[in-house]
């Protein structure tokens, strides 16, 4: 089933809990983050 911000299943925040003001991207950690999210799913 979809898990999105719109259906309130998915929520992305920075380390202070804000939805915005995210840190700079990092291509190495991006793959790690996809792995983690996919395993929960």
ModelCIF file with pLDDT and N, C-alpha, C, O atoms, coordinates in Angstrom:
data_MODEL
#
_entry.id   MODEL 
#
_entity.id                         1 
_entity.type                       polymer 
_entity.pdbx_number_of_molecules   1 
#
_entity_poly.entity_id                      1 
_entity_poly.type                           'polypeptide(L)' 
_entity_poly.nstd_linkage                   no 
_entity_poly.nstd_monomer                   no 
_entity_poly.pdbx_seq_one_letter_code       
;(UNK)(UNK)(UNK)(UNK)(UNK)(UNK)(UNK)(UNK)(UNK)(UNK)(UNK)(UNK)(UNK)(UNK)(UNK)(UNK)
(UNK)(UNK)(UNK)(UNK)(UNK)(UNK)(UNK)(UNK)(UNK)(UNK)(UNK)(UNK)(UNK)(UNK)(UNK)(UNK)
(UNK)(UNK)(UNK)(UNK)(UNK)(UNK)(UNK)(UNK)(UNK)
;
_entity_poly.pdbx_seq_one_letter_code_can   XXXXXXXXXXXXXXXXXXXXXXXXXXXXXXXXXXXXXXXXX 
_entity_poly.pdbx_strand_id                 A 
#
loop_
_entity_poly_seq.entity_id 
_entity_poly_seq.num 
_entity_poly_seq.mon_id 
_entity_poly_seq.hetero 
1 1  UNK n 
1 2  UNK n 
1 3  UNK n 
1 4  UNK n 
1 5  UNK n 
1 6  UNK n 
1 7  UNK n 
1 8  UNK n 
1 9  UNK n 
1 10 UNK n 
1 11 UNK n 
1 12 UNK n 
1 13 UNK n 
1 14 UNK n 
1 15 UNK n 
1 16 UNK n 
1 17 UNK n 
1 18 UNK n 
1 19 UNK n 
1 20 UNK n 
1 21 UNK n 
1 22 UNK n 
1 23 UNK n 
1 24 UNK n 
1 25 UNK n 
1 26 UNK n 
1 27 UNK n 
1 28 UNK n 
1 29 UNK n 
1 30 UNK n 
1 31 UNK n 
1 32 UNK n 
1 33 UNK n 
1 34 UNK n 
1 35 UNK n 
1 36 UNK n 
1 37 UNK n 
1 38 UNK n 
1 39 UNK n 
1 40 UNK n 
1 41 UNK n 
#
_struct_asym.id          A 
_struct_asym.entity_id   1 
#
loop_
_ma_qa_metric.id 
_ma_qa_metric.mode 
_ma_qa_metric.name 
_ma_qa_metric.software_group_id 
_ma_qa_metric.type 
1 global pLDDT . pLDDT 
2 local  pLDDT . pLDDT 
#
_ma_qa_metric_global.metric_id      1 
_ma_qa_metric_global.metric_value   96.71 
_ma_qa_metric_global.model_id       1 
_ma_qa_metric_global.ordinal_id     1 
#
loop_
_ma_qa_metric_local.label_asym_id 
_ma_qa_metric_local.label_comp_id 
_ma_qa_metric_local.label_seq_id 
_ma_qa_metric_local.metric_id 
_ma_qa_metric_local.metric_value 
_ma_qa_metric_local.model_id 
_ma_qa_metric_local.ordinal_id 
A UNK 1  2 97.00 1 1  
A UNK 2  2 98.00 1 2  
A UNK 3  2 98.00 1 3  
A UNK 4  2 98.00 1 4  
A UNK 5  2 98.00 1 5  
A UNK 6  2 98.00 1 6  
A UNK 7  2 97.00 1 7  
A UNK 8  2 97.00 1 8  
A UNK 9  2 98.00 1 9  
A UNK 10 2 98.00 1 10 
A UNK 11 2 98.00 1 11 
A UNK 12 2 98.00 1 12 
A UNK 13 2 98.00 1 13 
A UNK 14 2 98.00 1 14 
A UNK 15 2 96.00 1 15 
A UNK 16 2 97.00 1 16 
A UNK 17 2 97.00 1 17 
A UNK 18 2 98.00 1 18 
A UNK 19 2 97.00 1 19 
A UNK 20 2 94.00 1 20 
A UNK 21 2 95.00 1 21 
A UNK 22 2 97.00 1 22 
A UNK 23 2 96.00 1 23 
A UNK 24 2 95.00 1 24 
A UNK 25 2 95.00 1 25 
A UNK 26 2 92.00 1 26 
A UNK 27 2 89.00 1 27 
A UNK 28 2 88.00 1 28 
A UNK 29 2 96.00 1 29 
A UNK 30 2 97.00 1 30 
A UNK 31 2 97.00 1 31 
A UNK 32 2 98.00 1 32 
A UNK 33 2 98.00 1 33 
A UNK 34 2 98.00 1 34 
A UNK 35 2 98.00 1 35 
A UNK 36 2 98.00 1 36 
A UNK 37 2 98.00 1 37 
A UNK 38 2 98.00 1 38 
A UNK 39 2 98.00 1 39 
A UNK 40 2 98.00 1 40 
A UNK 41 2 98.00 1 41 
#
loop_
_atom_site.group_PDB 
_atom_site.id 
_atom_site.type_symbol 
_atom_site.label_atom_id 
_atom_site.label_alt_id 
_atom_site.label_comp_id 
_atom_site.label_asym_id 
_atom_site.label_entity_id 
_atom_site.label_seq_id 
_atom_site.pdbx_PDB_ins_code 
_atom_site.Cartn_x 
_atom_site.Cartn_y 
_atom_site.Cartn_z 
_atom_site.occupancy 
_atom_site.B_iso_or_equiv 
_atom_site.pdbx_formal_charge 
_atom_site.auth_seq_id 
_atom_site.auth_comp_id 
_atom_site.auth_asym_id 
_atom_site.auth_atom_id 
_atom_site.pdbx_PDB_model_num 
ATOM 1   N N  . UNK A 1 1  ? 0.830  -1.212 0.000  1.00 97.00 ? 1  UNK A N  1 
ATOM 2   C CA . UNK A 1 1  ? 0.000  0.000  0.000  1.00 97.00 ? 1  UNK A CA 1 
ATOM 3   C C  . UNK A 1 1  ? 0.861  1.257  0.000  1.00 97.00 ? 1  UNK A C  1 
ATOM 4   O O  . UNK A 1 1  ? 1.958  1.251  0.558  1.00 97.00 ? 1  UNK A O  1 
ATOM 5   N N  . UNK A 1 2  ? 0.382  2.331  -0.616 1.00 98.00 ? 2  UNK A N  1 
ATOM 6   C CA . UNK A 1 2  ? 1.167  3.571  -0.645 1.00 98.00 ? 2  UNK A CA 1 
ATOM 7   C C  . UNK A 1 2  ? 1.462  4.076  0.765  1.00 98.00 ? 2  UNK A C  1 
ATOM 8   O O  . UNK A 1 2  ? 0.641  3.949  1.673  1.00 98.00 ? 2  UNK A O  1 
ATOM 9   N N  . UNK A 1 3  ? 2.652  4.651  0.923  1.00 98.00 ? 3  UNK A N  1 
ATOM 10  C CA . UNK A 1 3  ? 3.036  5.276  2.192  1.00 98.00 ? 3  UNK A CA 1 
ATOM 11  C C  . UNK A 1 3  ? 3.626  6.634  1.834  1.00 98.00 ? 3  UNK A C  1 
ATOM 12  O O  . UNK A 1 3  ? 4.791  6.735  1.447  1.00 98.00 ? 3  UNK A O  1 
ATOM 13  N N  . UNK A 1 4  ? 2.809  7.679  1.968  1.00 98.00 ? 4  UNK A N  1 
ATOM 14  C CA . UNK A 1 4  ? 3.168  8.995  1.466  1.00 98.00 ? 4  UNK A CA 1 
ATOM 15  C C  . UNK A 1 4  ? 2.941  10.065 2.523  1.00 98.00 ? 4  UNK A C  1 
ATOM 16  O O  . UNK A 1 4  ? 2.289  9.837  3.542  1.00 98.00 ? 4  UNK A O  1 
ATOM 17  N N  . UNK A 1 5  ? 3.493  11.225 2.251  1.00 98.00 ? 5  UNK A N  1 
ATOM 18  C CA . UNK A 1 5  ? 3.209  12.377 3.110  1.00 98.00 ? 5  UNK A CA 1 
ATOM 19  C C  . UNK A 1 5  ? 1.726  12.710 3.062  1.00 98.00 ? 5  UNK A C  1 
ATOM 20  O O  . UNK A 1 5  ? 1.131  13.056 4.083  1.00 98.00 ? 5  UNK A O  1 
ATOM 21  N N  . UNK A 1 6  ? 1.123  12.607 1.869  1.00 98.00 ? 6  UNK A N  1 
ATOM 22  C CA . UNK A 1 6  ? -0.285 12.967 1.696  1.00 98.00 ? 6  UNK A CA 1 
ATOM 23  C C  . UNK A 1 6  ? -1.216 12.094 2.521  1.00 98.00 ? 6  UNK A C  1 
ATOM 24  O O  . UNK A 1 6  ? -2.188 12.596 3.085  1.00 98.00 ? 6  UNK A O  1 
ATOM 25  N N  . UNK A 1 7  ? -0.936 10.791 2.603  1.00 97.00 ? 7  UNK A N  1 
ATOM 26  C CA . UNK A 1 7  ? -1.825 9.923  3.387  1.00 97.00 ? 7  UNK A CA 1 
ATOM 27  C C  . UNK A 1 7  ? -1.360 9.765  4.834  1.00 97.00 ? 7  UNK A C  1 
ATOM 28  O O  . UNK A 1 7  ? -1.896 8.945  5.580  1.00 97.00 ? 7  UNK A O  1 
ATOM 29  N N  . UNK A 1 8  ? -0.359 10.555 5.221  1.00 97.00 ? 8  UNK A N  1 
ATOM 30  C CA . UNK A 1 8  ? 0.156  10.643 6.592  1.00 97.00 ? 8  UNK A CA 1 
ATOM 31  C C  . UNK A 1 8  ? 0.816  9.353  7.071  1.00 97.00 ? 8  UNK A C  1 
ATOM 32  O O  . UNK A 1 8  ? 0.980  9.143  8.273  1.00 97.00 ? 8  UNK A O  1 
ATOM 33  N N  . UNK A 1 9  ? 1.192  8.493  6.130  1.00 98.00 ? 9  UNK A N  1 
ATOM 34  C CA . UNK A 1 9  ? 1.950  7.303  6.483  1.00 98.00 ? 9  UNK A CA 1 
ATOM 35  C C  . UNK A 1 9  ? 3.441  7.617  6.577  1.00 98.00 ? 9  UNK A C  1 
ATOM 36  O O  . UNK A 1 9  ? 4.145  7.026  7.395  1.00 98.00 ? 9  UNK A O  1 
ATOM 37  N N  . UNK A 1 10 ? 3.927  8.535  5.754  1.00 98.00 ? 10 UNK A N  1 
ATOM 38  C CA . UNK A 1 10 ? 5.350  8.872  5.676  1.00 98.00 ? 10 UNK A CA 1 
ATOM 39  C C  . UNK A 1 10 ? 5.564  10.297 6.154  1.00 98.00 ? 10 UNK A C  1 
ATOM 40  O O  . UNK A 1 10 ? 4.831  11.206 5.765  1.00 98.00 ? 10 UNK A O  1 
ATOM 41  N N  . UNK A 1 11 ? 6.568  10.488 6.997  1.00 98.00 ? 11 UNK A N  1 
ATOM 42  C CA . UNK A 1 11 ? 6.903  11.826 7.481  1.00 98.00 ? 11 UNK A CA 1 
ATOM 43  C C  . UNK A 1 11 ? 8.418  11.967 7.509  1.00 98.00 ? 11 UNK A C  1 
ATOM 44  O O  . UNK A 1 11 ? 9.120  11.154 8.110  1.00 98.00 ? 11 UNK A O  1 
ATOM 45  N N  . UNK A 1 12 ? 8.904  13.002 6.854  1.00 98.00 ? 12 UNK A N  1 
ATOM 46  C CA . UNK A 1 12 ? 10.337 13.286 6.813  1.00 98.00 ? 12 UNK A CA 1 
ATOM 47  C C  . UNK A 1 12 ? 10.611 14.581 7.573  1.00 98.00 ? 12 UNK A C  1 
ATOM 48  O O  . UNK A 1 12 ? 9.961  15.599 7.336  1.00 98.00 ? 12 UNK A O  1 
ATOM 49  N N  . UNK A 1 13 ? 11.588 14.532 8.497  1.00 98.00 ? 13 UNK A N  1 
ATOM 50  C CA . UNK A 1 13 ? 11.924 15.706 9.297  1.00 98.00 ? 13 UNK A CA 1 
ATOM 51  C C  . UNK A 1 13 ? 13.444 15.818 9.406  1.00 98.00 ? 13 UNK A C  1 
ATOM 52  O O  . UNK A 1 13 ? 14.169 14.856 9.151  1.00 98.00 ? 13 UNK A O  1 
ATOM 53  N N  . UNK A 1 14 ? 13.913 17.005 9.788  1.00 98.00 ? 14 UNK A N  1 
ATOM 54  C CA . UNK A 1 14 ? 15.333 17.162 10.080 1.00 98.00 ? 14 UNK A CA 1 
ATOM 55  C C  . UNK A 1 14 ? 15.588 16.758 11.533 1.00 98.00 ? 14 UNK A C  1 
ATOM 56  O O  . UNK A 1 14 ? 14.662 16.345 12.232 1.00 98.00 ? 14 UNK A O  1 
ATOM 57  N N  . UNK A 1 15 ? 16.821 16.872 11.982 1.00 96.00 ? 15 UNK A N  1 
ATOM 58  C CA . UNK A 1 15 ? 17.138 16.351 13.318 1.00 96.00 ? 15 UNK A CA 1 
ATOM 59  C C  . UNK A 1 15 ? 16.472 17.148 14.438 1.00 96.00 ? 15 UNK A C  1 
ATOM 60  O O  . UNK A 1 15 ? 16.435 16.694 15.582 1.00 96.00 ? 15 UNK A O  1 
ATOM 61  N N  . UNK A 1 16 ? 15.944 18.336 14.116 1.00 97.00 ? 16 UNK A N  1 
ATOM 62  C CA . UNK A 1 16 ? 15.203 19.121 15.100 1.00 97.00 ? 16 UNK A CA 1 
ATOM 63  C C  . UNK A 1 16 ? 13.708 18.882 15.028 1.00 97.00 ? 16 UNK A C  1 
ATOM 64  O O  . UNK A 1 16 ? 12.940 19.500 15.766 1.00 97.00 ? 16 UNK A O  1 
ATOM 65  N N  . UNK A 1 17 ? 13.287 17.978 14.131 1.00 97.00 ? 17 UNK A N  1 
ATOM 66  C CA . UNK A 1 17 ? 11.875 17.645 14.030 1.00 97.00 ? 17 UNK A CA 1 
ATOM 67  C C  . UNK A 1 17 ? 11.091 18.503 13.071 1.00 97.00 ? 17 UNK A C  1 
ATOM 68  O O  . UNK A 1 17 ? 9.862  18.437 13.060 1.00 97.00 ? 17 UNK A O  1 
ATOM 69  N N  . UNK A 1 18 ? 11.765 19.319 12.255 1.00 98.00 ? 18 UNK A N  1 
ATOM 70  C CA . UNK A 1 18 ? 11.085 20.216 11.322 1.00 98.00 ? 18 UNK A CA 1 
ATOM 71  C C  . UNK A 1 18 ? 10.921 19.552 9.958  1.00 98.00 ? 18 UNK A C  1 
ATOM 72  O O  . UNK A 1 18 ? 11.812 18.850 9.479  1.00 98.00 ? 18 UNK A O  1 
ATOM 73  N N  . UNK A 1 19 ? 9.763  19.788 9.344  1.00 97.00 ? 19 UNK A N  1 
ATOM 74  C CA . UNK A 1 19 ? 9.550  19.330 7.979  1.00 97.00 ? 19 UNK A CA 1 
ATOM 75  C C  . UNK A 1 19 ? 10.051 20.410 7.021  1.00 97.00 ? 19 UNK A C  1 
ATOM 76  O O  . UNK A 1 19 ? 9.273  21.195 6.478  1.00 97.00 ? 19 UNK A O  1 
ATOM 77  N N  . UNK A 1 20 ? 11.343 20.427 6.834  1.00 94.00 ? 20 UNK A N  1 
ATOM 78  C CA . UNK A 1 20 ? 12.012 21.452 6.041  1.00 94.00 ? 20 UNK A CA 1 
ATOM 79  C C  . UNK A 1 20 ? 13.372 21.729 6.641  1.00 94.00 ? 20 UNK A C  1 
ATOM 80  O O  . UNK A 1 20 ? 13.752 21.128 7.646  1.00 94.00 ? 20 UNK A O  1 
ATOM 81  N N  . UNK A 1 21 ? 14.113 22.652 6.016  1.00 95.00 ? 21 UNK A N  1 
ATOM 82  C CA . UNK A 1 21 ? 15.470 22.972 6.473  1.00 95.00 ? 21 UNK A CA 1 
ATOM 83  C C  . UNK A 1 21 ? 16.331 21.718 6.582  1.00 95.00 ? 21 UNK A C  1 
ATOM 84  O O  . UNK A 1 21 ? 17.036 21.509 7.569  1.00 95.00 ? 21 UNK A O  1 
ATOM 85  N N  . UNK A 1 22 ? 16.255 20.893 5.545  1.00 97.00 ? 22 UNK A N  1 
ATOM 86  C CA . UNK A 1 22 ? 16.978 19.628 5.573  1.00 97.00 ? 22 UNK A CA 1 
ATOM 87  C C  . UNK A 1 22 ? 18.472 19.844 5.349  1.00 97.00 ? 22 UNK A C  1 
ATOM 88  O O  . UNK A 1 22 ? 18.872 20.847 4.758  1.00 97.00 ? 22 UNK A O  1 
ATOM 89  N N  . UNK A 1 23 ? 19.290 18.917 5.812  1.00 96.00 ? 23 UNK A N  1 
ATOM 90  C CA . UNK A 1 23 ? 20.730 19.041 5.577  1.00 96.00 ? 23 UNK A CA 1 
ATOM 91  C C  . UNK A 1 23 ? 21.069 18.861 4.100  1.00 96.00 ? 23 UNK A C  1 
ATOM 92  O O  . UNK A 1 23 ? 20.203 18.540 3.287  1.00 96.00 ? 23 UNK A O  1 
ATOM 93  N N  . UNK A 1 24 ? 22.315 19.067 3.773  1.00 95.00 ? 24 UNK A N  1 
ATOM 94  C CA . UNK A 1 24 ? 22.763 18.896 2.390  1.00 95.00 ? 24 UNK A CA 1 
ATOM 95  C C  . UNK A 1 24 ? 22.676 17.427 1.991  1.00 95.00 ? 24 UNK A C  1 
ATOM 96  O O  . UNK A 1 24 ? 22.864 16.550 2.835  1.00 95.00 ? 24 UNK A O  1 
ATOM 97  N N  . UNK A 1 25 ? 22.394 17.142 0.714  1.00 95.00 ? 25 UNK A N  1 
ATOM 98  C CA . UNK A 1 25 ? 22.358 15.752 0.259  1.00 95.00 ? 25 UNK A CA 1 
ATOM 99  C C  . UNK A 1 25 ? 23.749 15.120 0.277  1.00 95.00 ? 25 UNK A C  1 
ATOM 100 O O  . UNK A 1 25 ? 24.768 15.809 0.238  1.00 95.00 ? 25 UNK A O  1 
ATOM 101 N N  . UNK A 1 26 ? 23.758 13.795 0.337  1.00 92.00 ? 26 UNK A N  1 
ATOM 102 C CA . UNK A 1 26 ? 24.993 13.026 0.268  1.00 92.00 ? 26 UNK A CA 1 
ATOM 103 C C  . UNK A 1 26 ? 24.682 11.745 -0.493 1.00 92.00 ? 26 UNK A C  1 
ATOM 104 O O  . UNK A 1 26 ? 23.894 10.934 -0.006 1.00 92.00 ? 26 UNK A O  1 
ATOM 105 N N  . UNK A 1 27 ? 25.277 11.526 -1.687 1.00 89.00 ? 27 UNK A N  1 
ATOM 106 C CA . UNK A 1 27 ? 24.882 10.378 -2.512 1.00 89.00 ? 27 UNK A CA 1 
ATOM 107 C C  . UNK A 1 27 ? 25.136 9.032  -1.854 1.00 89.00 ? 27 UNK A C  1 
ATOM 108 O O  . UNK A 1 27 ? 24.397 8.080  -2.104 1.00 89.00 ? 27 UNK A O  1 
ATOM 109 N N  . UNK A 1 28 ? 26.166 8.930  -1.016 1.00 88.00 ? 28 UNK A N  1 
ATOM 110 C CA . UNK A 1 28 ? 26.427 7.665  -0.336 1.00 88.00 ? 28 UNK A CA 1 
ATOM 111 C C  . UNK A 1 28 ? 25.315 7.340  0.646  1.00 88.00 ? 28 UNK A C  1 
ATOM 112 O O  . UNK A 1 28 ? 24.781 6.231  0.645  1.00 88.00 ? 28 UNK A O  1 
ATOM 113 N N  . UNK A 1 29 ? 24.970 8.302  1.480  1.00 96.00 ? 29 UNK A N  1 
ATOM 114 C CA . UNK A 1 29 ? 23.929 8.065  2.467  1.00 96.00 ? 29 UNK A CA 1 
ATOM 115 C C  . UNK A 1 29 ? 22.545 7.953  1.829  1.00 96.00 ? 29 UNK A C  1 
ATOM 116 O O  . UNK A 1 29 ? 21.643 7.366  2.427  1.00 96.00 ? 29 UNK A O  1 
ATOM 117 N N  . UNK A 1 30 ? 22.358 8.503  0.631  1.00 97.00 ? 30 UNK A N  1 
ATOM 118 C CA . UNK A 1 30 ? 21.060 8.370  -0.041 1.00 97.00 ? 30 UNK A CA 1 
ATOM 119 C C  . UNK A 1 30 ? 20.721 6.906  -0.282 1.00 97.00 ? 30 UNK A C  1 
ATOM 120 O O  . UNK A 1 30 ? 19.581 6.497  -0.058 1.00 97.00 ? 30 UNK A O  1 
ATOM 121 N N  . UNK A 1 31 ? 21.679 6.113  -0.732 1.00 97.00 ? 31 UNK A N  1 
ATOM 122 C CA . UNK A 1 31 ? 21.417 4.697  -0.948 1.00 97.00 ? 31 UNK A CA 1 
ATOM 123 C C  . UNK A 1 31 ? 21.105 4.001  0.376  1.00 97.00 ? 31 UNK A C  1 
ATOM 124 O O  . UNK A 1 31 ? 20.206 3.162  0.437  1.00 97.00 ? 31 UNK A O  1 
ATOM 125 N N  . UNK A 1 32 ? 21.836 4.342  1.429  1.00 98.00 ? 32 UNK A N  1 
ATOM 126 C CA . UNK A 1 32 ? 21.549 3.793  2.756  1.00 98.00 ? 32 UNK A CA 1 
ATOM 127 C C  . UNK A 1 32 ? 20.130 4.113  3.181  1.00 98.00 ? 32 UNK A C  1 
ATOM 128 O O  . UNK A 1 32 ? 19.438 3.257  3.732  1.00 98.00 ? 32 UNK A O  1 
ATOM 129 N N  . UNK A 1 33 ? 19.693 5.325  2.932  1.00 98.00 ? 33 UNK A N  1 
ATOM 130 C CA . UNK A 1 33 ? 18.360 5.741  3.360  1.00 98.00 ? 33 UNK A CA 1 
ATOM 131 C C  . UNK A 1 33 ? 17.272 5.003  2.588  1.00 98.00 ? 33 UNK A C  1 
ATOM 132 O O  . UNK A 1 33 ? 16.249 4.629  3.162  1.00 98.00 ? 33 UNK A O  1 
ATOM 133 N N  . UNK A 1 34 ? 17.484 4.794  1.301  1.00 98.00 ? 34 UNK A N  1 
ATOM 134 C CA . UNK A 1 34 ? 16.527 4.002  0.522  1.00 98.00 ? 34 UNK A CA 1 
ATOM 135 C C  . UNK A 1 34 ? 16.448 2.578  1.057  1.00 98.00 ? 34 UNK A C  1 
ATOM 136 O O  . UNK A 1 34 ? 15.361 2.016  1.184  1.00 98.00 ? 34 UNK A O  1 
ATOM 137 N N  . UNK A 1 35 ? 17.604 1.997  1.369  1.00 98.00 ? 35 UNK A N  1 
ATOM 138 C CA . UNK A 1 35 ? 17.636 0.653  1.950  1.00 98.00 ? 35 UNK A CA 1 
ATOM 139 C C  . UNK A 1 35 ? 16.807 0.580  3.219  1.00 98.00 ? 35 UNK A C  1 
ATOM 140 O O  . UNK A 1 35 ? 15.978 -0.317 3.366  1.00 98.00 ? 35 UNK A O  1 
ATOM 141 N N  . UNK A 1 36 ? 17.019 1.505  4.129  1.00 98.00 ? 36 UNK A N  1 
ATOM 142 C CA . UNK A 1 36 ? 16.307 1.480  5.409  1.00 98.00 ? 36 UNK A CA 1 
ATOM 143 C C  . UNK A 1 36 ? 14.795 1.593  5.223  1.00 98.00 ? 36 UNK A C  1 
ATOM 144 O O  . UNK A 1 36 ? 14.029 0.840  5.824  1.00 98.00 ? 36 UNK A O  1 
ATOM 145 N N  . UNK A 1 37 ? 14.380 2.530  4.395  1.00 98.00 ? 37 UNK A N  1 
ATOM 146 C CA . UNK A 1 37 ? 12.945 2.736  4.173  1.00 98.00 ? 37 UNK A CA 1 
ATOM 147 C C  . UNK A 1 37 ? 12.314 1.524  3.496  1.00 98.00 ? 37 UNK A C  1 
ATOM 148 O O  . UNK A 1 37 ? 11.188 1.149  3.822  1.00 98.00 ? 37 UNK A O  1 
ATOM 149 N N  . UNK A 1 38 ? 13.025 0.914  2.564  1.00 98.00 ? 38 UNK A N  1 
ATOM 150 C CA . UNK A 1 38 ? 12.483 -0.254 1.868  1.00 98.00 ? 38 UNK A CA 1 
ATOM 151 C C  . UNK A 1 38 ? 12.344 -1.446 2.806  1.00 98.00 ? 38 UNK A C  1 
ATOM 152 O O  . UNK A 1 38 ? 11.386 -2.210 2.689  1.00 98.00 ? 38 UNK A O  1 
ATOM 153 N N  . UNK A 1 39 ? 13.288 -1.620 3.738  1.00 98.00 ? 39 UNK A N  1 
ATOM 154 C CA . UNK A 1 39 ? 13.195 -2.769 4.656  1.00 98.00 ? 39 UNK A CA 1 
ATOM 155 C C  . UNK A 1 39 ? 12.026 -2.617 5.630  1.00 98.00 ? 39 UNK A C  1 
ATOM 156 O O  . UNK A 1 39 ? 11.380 -3.607 5.972  1.00 98.00 ? 39 UNK A O  1 
ATOM 157 N N  . UNK A 1 40 ? 11.749 -1.404 6.076  1.00 98.00 ? 40 UNK A N  1 
ATOM 158 C CA . UNK A 1 40 ? 10.557 -1.205 6.907  1.00 98.00 ? 40 UNK A CA 1 
ATOM 159 C C  . UNK A 1 40 ? 9.314  -1.580 6.108  1.00 98.00 ? 40 UNK A C  1 
ATOM 160 O O  . UNK A 1 40 ? 8.425  -2.259 6.622  1.00 98.00 ? 40 UNK A O  1 
ATOM 161 N N  . UNK A 1 41 ? 9.251  -1.145 4.862  1.00 98.00 ? 41 UNK A N  1 
ATOM 162 C CA . UNK A 1 41 ? 8.104  -1.450 4.007  1.00 98.00 ? 41 UNK A CA 1 
ATOM 163 C C  . UNK A 1 41 ? 7.950  -2.949 3.790  1.00 98.00 ? 41 UNK A C  1 
ATOM 164 O O  . UNK A 1 41 ? 7.033  -3.381 3.092  1.00 98.00 ? 41 UNK A O  1 
#
